[in-house]
């Protein structure tokens, strides 16, 4: 009898271990899919989304220092100049308020950089109060409404473009998209890619909370 009990115990113990391993594999696979699916969209979106003629170009703000826009923001502004000179849109909206370590607002820094690049001041509108990508887009949409503009090209880093698209839809900005890649800062580009998926989930949860709170 004791031998049978021992055998039964080993069998049930083995089943429990296999069940635990199976649950662990399922959990790990689920986590991997929760990361890999949105990351695939983050990587792929810039390549199947192309800019189209529009009323304005919206440049999403990024860090500035005493010398002006830092490399990521500068690359976005350079892309806006390229689109402007190619005739995609007659007006550029720069966006972004002044962060705690920034000497001036991102919107003003972007405007000054564009003027130095030869864009006429009358073709630039600087938005200077936003503190996030969503606010960039909400305030840019308000500027568009005041001007009577309907469509935009949104410019940002490639890794940021998919989330920008989701937020643009939330902000009701009708847009096409242009992404930039700053090759000499590829480690920062990789970090940007890795940060985007958590940021997408965070924005989604924040949006759901706002809907719940409004209800």
Protein backbone atom coordinates (compact mmCIF):
# COMPACT_ATOMS: atom_id res chain seq x y z
CA UNK A 1 0.00 0.00 0.00
CA UNK A 2 2.77 2.42 0.90
CA UNK A 3 4.43 1.73 -2.45
CA UNK A 4 1.22 2.57 -4.29
CA UNK A 5 0.84 5.77 -2.28
CA UNK A 6 4.41 6.77 -3.09
CA UNK A 7 3.87 6.06 -6.79
CA UNK A 8 0.61 8.04 -6.79
CA UNK A 9 2.33 10.90 -4.98
CA UNK A 10 5.12 11.00 -7.55
CA UNK A 11 2.61 10.97 -10.41
CA UNK A 12 0.49 13.79 -8.98
CA UNK A 13 3.60 15.79 -8.06
CA UNK A 14 4.86 15.41 -11.62
CA UNK A 15 1.52 16.58 -12.99
CA UNK A 16 1.59 19.65 -10.74
CA UNK A 17 5.12 20.52 -11.87
CA UNK A 18 4.16 20.13 -15.52
CA UNK A 19 1.05 22.25 -14.97
CA UNK A 20 3.15 24.99 -13.32
CA UNK A 21 5.66 24.91 -16.17
CA UNK A 22 2.81 25.08 -18.68
CA UNK A 23 1.27 28.09 -16.91
CA UNK A 24 4.67 29.77 -16.79
CA UNK A 25 5.21 29.22 -20.52
CA UNK A 26 1.75 30.61 -21.29
CA UNK A 27 2.42 33.66 -19.10
CA UNK A 28 5.80 34.31 -20.74
CA UNK A 29 4.31 33.87 -24.22
CA UNK A 30 1.49 36.27 -23.36
CA UNK A 31 3.95 38.89 -22.09
CA UNK A 32 6.09 38.44 -25.19
CA UNK A 33 3.09 38.94 -27.47
CA UNK A 34 1.94 41.98 -25.49
CA UNK A 35 5.33 43.53 -26.24
CA UNK A 36 6.11 42.18 -29.71
CA UNK A 37 2.79 42.97 -31.40
CA UNK A 38 2.79 46.70 -30.56
CA UNK A 39 6.56 46.88 -31.12
CA UNK A 40 5.99 45.49 -34.60
CA UNK A 41 3.49 48.27 -35.23
CA UNK A 42 5.93 50.85 -33.85
CA UNK A 43 8.63 49.61 -36.25
CA UNK A 44 6.39 49.12 -39.27
CA UNK A 45 4.11 52.16 -39.18
CA UNK A 46 6.67 54.73 -40.46
CA UNK A 47 7.35 52.60 -43.52
CA UNK A 48 3.76 52.19 -44.69
CA UNK A 49 2.67 55.72 -43.75
CA UNK A 50 3.75 58.47 -46.15
CA UNK A 51 3.17 62.24 -45.99
CA UNK A 52 0.46 63.74 -48.19
CA UNK A 53 -0.23 67.34 -49.13
CA UNK A 54 -1.84 69.17 -46.22
CA UNK A 55 -2.70 72.56 -44.79
CA UNK A 56 0.00 72.51 -42.10
CA UNK A 57 3.03 70.58 -40.90
CA UNK A 58 3.02 69.84 -37.15
CA UNK A 59 6.45 69.25 -35.62
CA UNK A 60 6.16 67.46 -32.28
CA UNK A 61 8.39 69.10 -29.69
CA UNK A 62 11.49 67.61 -28.11
CA UNK A 63 14.33 68.73 -25.86
CA UNK A 64 16.16 72.02 -26.33
CA UNK A 65 19.19 73.53 -24.60
CA UNK A 66 21.04 76.85 -24.68
CA UNK A 67 22.24 76.12 -28.22
CA UNK A 68 18.73 75.43 -29.51
CA UNK A 69 16.95 72.22 -30.50
CA UNK A 70 18.80 69.03 -29.55
CA UNK A 71 19.50 66.37 -32.23
CA UNK A 72 16.14 64.57 -32.24
CA UNK A 73 14.17 67.81 -32.39
CA UNK A 74 16.58 69.26 -34.95
CA UNK A 75 16.05 66.24 -37.21
CA UNK A 76 12.28 66.69 -36.97
CA UNK A 77 12.60 70.37 -37.87
CA UNK A 78 14.90 69.57 -40.79
CA UNK A 79 12.28 67.14 -42.11
CA UNK A 80 9.65 69.86 -41.76
CA UNK A 81 11.85 72.21 -43.81
CA UNK A 82 12.22 69.52 -46.48
CA UNK A 83 8.46 69.02 -46.64
CA UNK A 84 7.80 72.77 -46.68
CA UNK A 85 10.29 73.39 -49.48
CA UNK A 86 8.83 70.47 -51.45
CA UNK A 87 5.41 72.14 -51.30
CA UNK A 88 3.64 69.66 -49.04
CA UNK A 89 2.18 72.44 -46.83
CA UNK A 90 2.49 76.24 -46.61
CA UNK A 91 2.66 76.51 -42.81
CA UNK A 92 4.68 74.81 -40.05
CA UNK A 93 3.41 74.57 -36.47
CA UNK A 94 6.15 74.03 -33.88
CA UNK A 95 4.99 72.66 -30.55
CA UNK A 96 6.13 72.39 -26.96
CA UNK A 97 6.27 74.37 -23.76
CA UNK A 98 9.31 75.14 -21.62
CA UNK A 99 10.56 72.24 -19.51
CA UNK A 100 12.21 72.77 -16.10
CA UNK A 101 15.72 72.47 -17.57
CA UNK A 102 15.04 74.27 -20.85
CA UNK A 103 16.02 77.93 -21.38
CA UNK A 104 13.07 78.65 -23.70
CA UNK A 105 9.97 76.84 -24.89
CA UNK A 106 10.36 74.11 -27.48
CA UNK A 107 7.90 75.89 -29.74
CA UNK A 108 9.96 79.10 -29.79
CA UNK A 109 13.25 77.22 -30.17
CA UNK A 110 11.76 75.35 -33.12
CA UNK A 111 10.48 78.56 -34.70
CA UNK A 112 13.88 80.26 -34.37
CA UNK A 113 15.61 77.25 -35.89
CA UNK A 114 13.25 77.22 -38.86
CA UNK A 115 13.79 80.94 -39.46
CA UNK A 116 17.55 80.35 -39.40
CA UNK A 117 16.98 77.61 -42.00
CA UNK A 118 15.26 80.13 -44.27
CA UNK A 119 11.58 79.50 -43.57
CA UNK A 120 9.69 82.85 -43.59
CA UNK A 121 8.44 83.88 -40.12
CA UNK A 122 4.91 84.30 -41.48
CA UNK A 123 4.91 80.60 -42.44
CA UNK A 124 5.52 79.50 -38.83
CA UNK A 125 3.17 79.27 -35.85
CA UNK A 126 4.74 78.47 -32.48
CA UNK A 127 2.67 76.64 -29.85
CA UNK A 128 4.34 77.18 -26.47
CA UNK A 129 2.22 75.72 -23.66
CA UNK A 130 2.04 71.94 -24.18
CA UNK A 131 3.82 69.47 -21.89
CA UNK A 132 3.19 66.15 -23.67
CA UNK A 133 2.64 64.67 -27.11
CA UNK A 134 -1.11 64.65 -26.55
CA UNK A 135 -1.07 68.32 -25.57
CA UNK A 136 1.14 69.11 -28.59
CA UNK A 137 -1.61 67.72 -30.79
CA UNK A 138 -4.57 69.18 -28.91
CA UNK A 139 -3.09 72.69 -29.00
CA UNK A 140 -2.01 72.29 -32.63
CA UNK A 141 -5.57 71.23 -33.46
CA UNK A 142 -6.87 74.38 -31.77
CA UNK A 143 -4.48 76.50 -33.85
CA UNK A 144 -5.64 74.71 -36.99
CA UNK A 145 -9.28 75.35 -36.12
CA UNK A 146 -8.58 79.05 -35.54
CA UNK A 147 -6.85 79.27 -38.91
CA UNK A 148 -9.44 77.20 -40.75
CA UNK A 149 -7.01 74.37 -41.51
CA UNK A 150 -8.30 70.82 -41.92
CA UNK A 151 -5.31 68.54 -42.54
CA UNK A 152 -1.78 68.13 -41.23
CA UNK A 153 1.46 66.24 -41.66
CA UNK A 154 2.79 65.18 -38.27
CA UNK A 155 6.58 64.94 -38.01
CA UNK A 156 8.42 63.02 -35.31
CA UNK A 157 11.01 60.29 -34.84
CA UNK A 158 10.07 57.00 -36.46
CA UNK A 159 9.86 55.21 -33.12
CA UNK A 160 7.40 57.84 -31.89
CA UNK A 161 5.18 57.96 -34.96
CA UNK A 162 2.75 55.10 -34.21
CA UNK A 163 1.88 56.49 -30.77
CA UNK A 164 1.63 59.97 -32.30
CA UNK A 165 -0.92 58.55 -34.75
CA UNK A 166 -3.00 57.05 -31.93
CA UNK A 167 -2.93 60.32 -30.01
CA UNK A 168 -3.70 62.34 -33.15
CA UNK A 169 -6.86 60.29 -33.65
CA UNK A 170 -7.80 60.94 -30.02
CA UNK A 171 -7.18 64.68 -30.56
CA UNK A 172 -9.18 64.55 -33.83
CA UNK A 173 -6.28 65.70 -36.00
CA UNK A 174 -6.67 64.48 -39.58
CA UNK A 175 -3.10 63.74 -40.58
CA UNK A 176 -0.50 61.89 -42.57
CA UNK A 177 2.93 61.23 -41.09
CA UNK A 178 6.64 61.69 -41.70
CA UNK A 179 9.25 60.00 -39.53
CA UNK A 180 12.97 60.66 -39.03
CA UNK A 181 15.80 58.39 -37.94
CA UNK A 182 18.92 59.92 -36.36
CA UNK A 183 21.56 57.34 -37.20
CA UNK A 184 24.42 58.87 -35.23
CA UNK A 185 22.33 58.51 -32.09
CA UNK A 186 21.28 54.91 -32.71
CA UNK A 187 21.58 53.86 -29.00
CA UNK A 188 19.05 56.56 -28.11
CA UNK A 189 16.89 55.42 -31.03
CA UNK A 190 16.88 51.87 -29.63
CA UNK A 191 15.98 53.16 -26.17
CA UNK A 192 13.18 55.16 -27.77
CA UNK A 193 11.80 52.02 -29.40
CA UNK A 194 11.89 50.11 -26.11
CA UNK A 195 10.12 52.91 -24.26
CA UNK A 196 7.31 53.26 -26.78
CA UNK A 197 5.42 50.07 -25.92
CA UNK A 198 5.05 50.93 -22.20
CA UNK A 199 4.11 54.47 -23.25
CA UNK A 200 1.40 53.12 -25.56
CA UNK A 201 -0.12 51.06 -22.75
CA UNK A 202 0.17 53.99 -20.34
CA UNK A 203 -1.63 56.31 -22.77
CA UNK A 204 -4.32 53.68 -23.35
CA UNK A 205 -4.92 53.24 -19.62
CA UNK A 206 -4.96 57.00 -19.10
CA UNK A 207 -7.50 57.36 -21.90
CA UNK A 208 -9.72 54.68 -20.37
CA UNK A 209 -9.48 56.39 -16.98
CA UNK A 210 -10.51 59.72 -18.50
CA UNK A 211 -13.52 58.08 -20.12
CA UNK A 212 -14.44 56.44 -16.80
CA UNK A 213 -13.93 59.68 -14.88
CA UNK A 214 -16.01 61.63 -17.40
CA UNK A 215 -18.82 59.10 -17.06
